[in-house]
């Protein structure tokens, strides 16, 4: 997984560092993937976000909780399904 940054789109506020994995077709404009937050931060799923990828490219996205990854002795980690709402530029 790669490491990126997540920003809230409404105010460009930094939200968290994330581990992500993206899937897309080079010809298509849409993309999707999954991410986990590195730090334990609460996200409002109704918000829109901007993800900054490891190579500094950015794209708008929407998140949806998928699975709760509970590991004994560690804080709860959610896996989010991420859907791109703009091209990665």
C-alpha atoms as a PDB file:
ATOM      1  CA  UNK A   1       0.000   0.000   0.000  1.00  0.00           C
ATOM      2  CA  UNK A   2       1.070   3.579  -0.650  1.00  0.00           C
ATOM      3  CA  UNK A   3       0.938   6.519   1.753  1.00  0.00           C
ATOM      4  CA  UNK A   4      -1.012   9.670   0.912  1.00  0.00           C
ATOM      5  CA  UNK A   5      -2.772  12.631   2.491  1.00  0.00           C
ATOM      6  CA  UNK A   6      -6.507  13.223   2.838  1.00  0.00           C
ATOM      7  CA  UNK A   7      -8.013  16.732   2.834  1.00  0.00           C
ATOM      8  CA  UNK A   8     -11.610  17.853   3.376  1.00  0.00           C
ATOM      9  CA  UNK A   9     -12.712  19.410   0.070  1.00  0.00           C
ATOM     10  CA  UNK A  10     -15.002  22.090   1.558  1.00  0.00           C
ATOM     11  CA  UNK A  11     -12.194  23.950   3.363  1.00  0.00           C
ATOM     12  CA  UNK A  12      -8.949  22.264   2.155  1.00  0.00           C
ATOM     13  CA  UNK A  13      -8.315  21.206   5.777  1.00  0.00           C
ATOM     14  CA  UNK A  14      -5.781  18.376   6.227  1.00  0.00           C
ATOM     15  CA  UNK A  15      -7.582  15.375   7.753  1.00  0.00           C
ATOM     16  CA  UNK A  16      -5.119  12.480   7.978  1.00  0.00           C
ATOM     17  CA  UNK A  17      -2.336  10.460   6.448  1.00  0.00           C
ATOM     18  CA  UNK A  18      -3.700   7.344   4.751  1.00  0.00           C
ATOM     19  CA  UNK A  19      -2.561   3.993   3.394  1.00  0.00           C
ATOM     20  CA  UNK A  20      -4.249   3.473   0.045  1.00  0.00           C
ATOM     21  CA  UNK A  21      -4.543   1.129  -2.901  1.00  0.00           C
ATOM     22  CA  UNK A  22      -6.132   2.440  -6.112  1.00  0.00           C
ATOM     23  CA  UNK A  23      -7.526   0.673  -9.159  1.00  0.00           C
ATOM     24  CA  UNK A  24      -8.130   2.387 -12.479  1.00  0.00           C
ATOM     25  CA  UNK A  25      -7.869   1.881 -16.188  1.00  0.00           C
ATOM     26  CA  UNK A  26      -5.498   4.225 -18.031  1.00  0.00           C
ATOM     27  CA  UNK A  27      -8.162   5.109 -20.603  1.00  0.00           C
ATOM     28  CA  UNK A  28     -11.042   5.555 -18.134  1.00  0.00           C
ATOM     29  CA  UNK A  29     -11.567   8.701 -16.091  1.00  0.00           C
ATOM     30  CA  UNK A  30     -13.034   6.887 -13.100  1.00  0.00           C
ATOM     31  CA  UNK A  31     -11.054   5.115 -10.404  1.00  0.00           C
ATOM     32  CA  UNK A  32     -11.685   3.358  -7.095  1.00  0.00           C
ATOM     33  CA  UNK A  33      -9.813   1.668  -4.296  1.00  0.00           C
ATOM     34  CA  UNK A  34      -9.524   1.310  -0.575  1.00  0.00           C
ATOM     35  CA  UNK A  35      -7.777   3.158   2.205  1.00  0.00           C
ATOM     36  CA  UNK A  36      -7.155   3.037   5.921  1.00  0.00           C
ATOM     37  CA  UNK A  37      -6.332   5.978   8.140  1.00  0.00           C
ATOM     38  CA  UNK A  38      -2.870   5.878   9.706  1.00  0.00           C
ATOM     39  CA  UNK A  39      -4.102   7.789  12.773  1.00  0.00           C
ATOM     40  CA  UNK A  40      -7.402   7.176  14.543  1.00  0.00           C
ATOM     41  CA  UNK A  41      -9.477  10.070  13.129  1.00  0.00           C
ATOM     42  CA  UNK A  42     -13.275  10.268  12.844  1.00  0.00           C
ATOM     43  CA  UNK A  43     -14.525  10.966   9.299  1.00  0.00           C
ATOM     44  CA  UNK A  44     -17.949  12.182   8.252  1.00  0.00           C
ATOM     45  CA  UNK A  45     -18.870  10.022   5.240  1.00  0.00           C
ATOM     46  CA  UNK A  46     -21.102  12.810   3.889  1.00  0.00           C
ATOM     47  CA  UNK A  47     -18.038  15.019   3.346  1.00  0.00           C
ATOM     48  CA  UNK A  48     -16.180  15.126   0.046  1.00  0.00           C
ATOM     49  CA  UNK A  49     -12.429  14.742   0.143  1.00  0.00           C
ATOM     50  CA  UNK A  50      -9.283  15.398  -1.862  1.00  0.00           C
ATOM     51  CA  UNK A  51      -6.620  12.702  -1.786  1.00  0.00           C
ATOM     52  CA  UNK A  52      -3.000  13.550  -2.473  1.00  0.00           C
ATOM     53  CA  UNK A  53      -1.177  10.489  -3.733  1.00  0.00           C
ATOM     54  CA  UNK A  54       2.388   9.508  -2.962  1.00  0.00           C
ATOM     55  CA  UNK A  55       3.555  11.045  -6.267  1.00  0.00           C
ATOM     56  CA  UNK A  56       1.826  14.389  -5.370  1.00  0.00           C
ATOM     57  CA  UNK A  57      -1.032  13.944  -7.875  1.00  0.00           C
ATOM     58  CA  UNK A  58      -4.489  14.785  -6.485  1.00  0.00           C
ATOM     59  CA  UNK A  59      -8.107  13.864  -7.062  1.00  0.00           C
ATOM     60  CA  UNK A  60     -11.495  14.453  -5.480  1.00  0.00           C
ATOM     61  CA  UNK A  61     -13.111  11.429  -3.858  1.00  0.00           C
ATOM     62  CA  UNK A  62     -15.913  10.045  -1.734  1.00  0.00           C
ATOM     63  CA  UNK A  63     -15.428   7.527   1.103  1.00  0.00           C
ATOM     64  CA  UNK A  64     -17.674   4.766   2.424  1.00  0.00           C
ATOM     65  CA  UNK A  65     -16.902   2.527   5.421  1.00  0.00           C
ATOM     66  CA  UNK A  66     -16.519  -1.118   4.467  1.00  0.00           C
ATOM     67  CA  UNK A  67     -15.036  -3.239   7.223  1.00  0.00           C
ATOM     68  CA  UNK A  68     -14.022  -2.736  10.823  1.00  0.00           C
ATOM     69  CA  UNK A  69     -10.558  -4.210  11.296  1.00  0.00           C
ATOM     70  CA  UNK A  70     -10.259  -4.871  15.013  1.00  0.00           C
ATOM     71  CA  UNK A  71      -6.903  -6.150  16.224  1.00  0.00           C
ATOM     72  CA  UNK A  72      -6.438  -7.072  19.841  1.00  0.00           C
ATOM     73  CA  UNK A  73      -4.643  -4.326  21.729  1.00  0.00           C
ATOM     74  CA  UNK A  74      -4.932  -1.730  18.927  1.00  0.00           C
ATOM     75  CA  UNK A  75      -7.537   0.977  18.234  1.00  0.00           C
ATOM     76  CA  UNK A  76     -10.305   0.108  15.778  1.00  0.00           C
ATOM     77  CA  UNK A  77      -9.333   0.633  12.123  1.00  0.00           C
ATOM     78  CA  UNK A  78     -11.910   1.096   9.386  1.00  0.00           C
ATOM     79  CA  UNK A  79     -11.272   0.169   5.782  1.00  0.00           C
ATOM     80  CA  UNK A  80     -12.896   2.737   3.485  1.00  0.00           C
ATOM     81  CA  UNK A  81     -13.992   2.151  -0.095  1.00  0.00           C
ATOM     82  CA  UNK A  82     -12.803   5.182  -2.043  1.00  0.00           C
ATOM     83  CA  UNK A  83     -14.443   6.349  -5.275  1.00  0.00           C
ATOM     84  CA  UNK A  84     -12.881   9.019  -7.451  1.00  0.00           C
ATOM     85  CA  UNK A  85     -15.116  11.920  -8.462  1.00  0.00           C
ATOM     86  CA  UNK A  86     -12.505  13.593 -10.687  1.00  0.00           C
ATOM     87  CA  UNK A  87      -9.497  12.588 -12.753  1.00  0.00           C
ATOM     88  CA  UNK A  88      -6.178  12.037 -10.994  1.00  0.00           C
ATOM     89  CA  UNK A  89      -4.012  15.018 -11.880  1.00  0.00           C
END
